[in-house]
Amino acid sequence: MSDNNFSALPPVATSIVVNDETIDITPIKIGELPAFSRAVQPIAAHLSASPDWLALIAEHGDALIEALTIAARRPRDWVAELELDDAVKLASTVFEVNADFFIQRLLPSVMEAAARLETRMAGRMPSSN
C-alpha cells in the first residue's frame, strides 16, 4: 500500500468542549471554502503562530465570528454568544485544524503584501550613500 492511499482517508476530527457542548472540528470543506475565505480575509494579515485573539476580536470581531460560524458549523448566534475563553478555544482549534489552509492559501498572500510594503518603505527611506 503506498503512502498516497492515506491521503484518501477522511480527516480525524478534533473534539473540544465549548459552551458545555462537545463539538468536532474538521478541516474546511470545498463548499465552505469561498465563504470561509471571504470571512478570514480581513484577519489574514493578523494571523500568526500565536495570534492575539483579543485584538482580533476587538478589531475584526464580525469577520472572526463569521469564520468561526462556518468552521464550527454552528449558528452565528451560538458563536456570538460564546464566553471569551470559549471563543478563543474555538478560534485556536479552528486555526490548528485548518493550518494547511492558512499556510497554503493565506500565508503566500500575506507574504506578498509584506514584500510590497517593504518595497514601498524602501523607496521612501533615504539612501545610506
Protein backbone atom coordinates (compact mmCIF):
# COMPACT_ATOMS: atom_id res chain seq x y z
CA MET A 1 0.00 0.00 0.00
CA SER A 2 1.52 3.34 -1.00
CA ASP A 3 1.55 6.46 1.19
CA ASN A 4 -0.82 8.15 -1.30
CA ASN A 5 -3.67 5.91 -0.13
CA PHE A 6 -3.59 7.57 3.28
CA SER A 7 -4.45 10.93 1.77
CA ALA A 8 -7.84 9.49 0.80
CA LEU A 9 -8.76 8.80 4.43
CA PRO A 10 -11.20 11.28 5.95
CA PRO A 11 -9.63 13.75 8.38
CA VAL A 12 -9.87 12.92 12.06
CA ALA A 13 -11.97 15.45 13.95
CA THR A 14 -10.60 17.41 16.86
CA SER A 15 -13.18 17.37 19.64
CA ILE A 16 -13.42 20.25 22.07
CA VAL A 17 -15.89 21.29 24.73
CA VAL A 18 -17.27 24.75 24.05
CA ASN A 19 -20.24 26.29 25.79
CA ASP A 20 -20.72 22.98 27.67
CA GLU A 21 -21.10 21.19 24.33
CA THR A 22 -18.65 18.79 22.69
CA ILE A 23 -18.13 19.74 19.07
CA ASP A 24 -15.97 18.18 16.39
CA ILE A 25 -13.83 20.49 14.31
CA THR A 26 -12.71 19.15 10.94
CA PRO A 27 -10.94 20.92 8.09
CA ILE A 28 -12.95 23.28 5.92
CA LYS A 29 -14.71 21.52 3.07
CA ILE A 30 -14.56 22.75 -0.52
CA GLY A 31 -18.14 24.02 -0.43
CA GLU A 32 -17.34 26.12 2.66
CA LEU A 33 -14.11 27.49 1.24
CA PRO A 34 -15.47 30.56 -0.62
CA ALA A 35 -17.41 31.90 2.39
CA PHE A 36 -14.62 30.98 4.81
CA SER A 37 -12.00 32.67 2.62
CA ARG A 38 -14.08 35.86 2.48
CA ALA A 39 -14.57 35.76 6.26
CA VAL A 40 -10.87 35.34 7.11
CA GLN A 41 -9.60 37.81 4.52
CA PRO A 42 -9.83 40.84 6.87
CA ILE A 43 -7.93 38.99 9.60
CA ALA A 44 -5.41 37.08 7.46
CA ALA A 45 -2.61 39.60 7.93
CA HIS A 46 -3.03 39.38 11.70
CA LEU A 47 -2.75 35.62 11.96
CA SER A 48 0.46 34.09 13.21
CA ALA A 49 1.63 31.08 15.19
CA SER A 50 0.34 32.83 18.34
CA PRO A 51 -2.34 35.31 17.27
CA ASP A 52 -3.59 37.95 19.68
CA TRP A 53 -7.17 36.69 19.73
CA LEU A 54 -8.40 39.55 21.90
CA ALA A 55 -7.06 42.13 19.43
CA LEU A 56 -8.56 40.18 16.52
CA ILE A 57 -11.94 40.10 18.25
CA ALA A 58 -11.74 43.81 19.06
CA GLU A 59 -10.66 44.88 15.56
CA HIS A 60 -12.34 42.26 13.37
CA GLY A 61 -15.00 40.66 15.56
CA ASP A 62 -17.63 40.26 12.86
CA ALA A 63 -15.20 38.61 10.45
CA LEU A 64 -13.92 36.28 13.17
CA ILE A 65 -17.45 35.35 14.25
CA GLU A 66 -18.36 34.61 10.62
CA ALA A 67 -15.25 32.47 10.13
CA LEU A 68 -15.94 30.54 13.33
CA THR A 69 -19.59 30.10 12.36
CA ILE A 70 -18.53 28.46 9.11
CA ALA A 71 -15.68 26.39 10.55
CA ALA A 72 -17.60 25.16 13.61
CA ARG A 73 -20.73 24.57 11.56
CA ARG A 74 -22.81 26.26 14.24
CA PRO A 75 -25.37 29.08 14.01
CA ARG A 76 -23.97 32.61 14.12
CA ASP A 77 -25.93 33.38 17.30
CA TRP A 78 -24.35 30.36 19.02
CA VAL A 79 -20.85 31.64 18.18
CA ALA A 80 -21.67 35.26 19.03
CA GLU A 81 -22.97 34.24 22.48
CA LEU A 82 -19.78 32.38 23.49
CA GLU A 83 -17.83 33.47 26.53
CA LEU A 84 -14.43 34.93 25.61
CA ASP A 85 -12.46 31.90 26.80
CA ASP A 86 -14.67 29.54 24.77
CA ALA A 87 -14.39 31.79 21.70
CA VAL A 88 -10.59 31.78 21.98
CA LYS A 89 -10.55 27.99 22.44
CA LEU A 90 -12.75 27.58 19.37
CA ALA A 91 -10.69 30.02 17.29
CA SER A 92 -7.43 28.33 18.29
CA THR A 93 -8.79 24.90 17.40
CA VAL A 94 -10.17 26.08 14.05
CA PHE A 95 -6.79 27.65 13.27
CA GLU A 96 -4.91 24.46 14.22
CA VAL A 97 -7.24 22.09 12.35
CA ASN A 98 -7.12 24.26 9.24
CA ALA A 99 -3.41 25.09 9.44
CA ASP A 100 -2.82 23.71 5.94
CA PHE A 101 -5.40 26.12 4.55
CA PHE A 102 -3.84 29.08 6.34
CA ILE A 103 -0.30 28.13 5.33
CA GLN A 104 -1.02 27.22 1.71
CA ARG A 105 -3.66 29.83 0.89
CA LEU A 106 -3.21 32.79 3.19
CA LEU A 107 0.49 32.84 4.01
CA PRO A 108 1.56 33.44 0.39
CA SER A 109 -0.79 36.43 0.08
CA VAL A 110 0.36 37.82 3.44
CA MET A 111 4.00 37.38 2.40
CA GLU A 112 3.28 39.08 -0.94
CA ALA A 113 1.65 42.02 0.83
CA ALA A 114 4.59 42.28 3.23
CA ALA A 115 7.03 42.29 0.29
CA ARG A 116 5.06 45.08 -1.43
CA LEU A 117 5.06 47.08 1.79
CA GLU A 118 8.79 46.54 2.22
CA THR A 119 9.39 47.73 -1.36
CA ARG A 120 7.30 50.85 -0.77
CA MET A 121 9.03 51.58 2.51
CA ALA A 122 12.46 51.10 0.94
CA GLY A 123 11.53 53.67 -1.72
CA ARG A 124 10.71 56.21 0.97
CA MET A 125 13.81 55.63 3.08
CA PRO A 126 16.79 57.89 2.35
CA SER A 127 19.74 56.01 0.91
CA SER A 128 22.77 55.45 3.12
CA ASN A 129 25.14 56.82 0.46
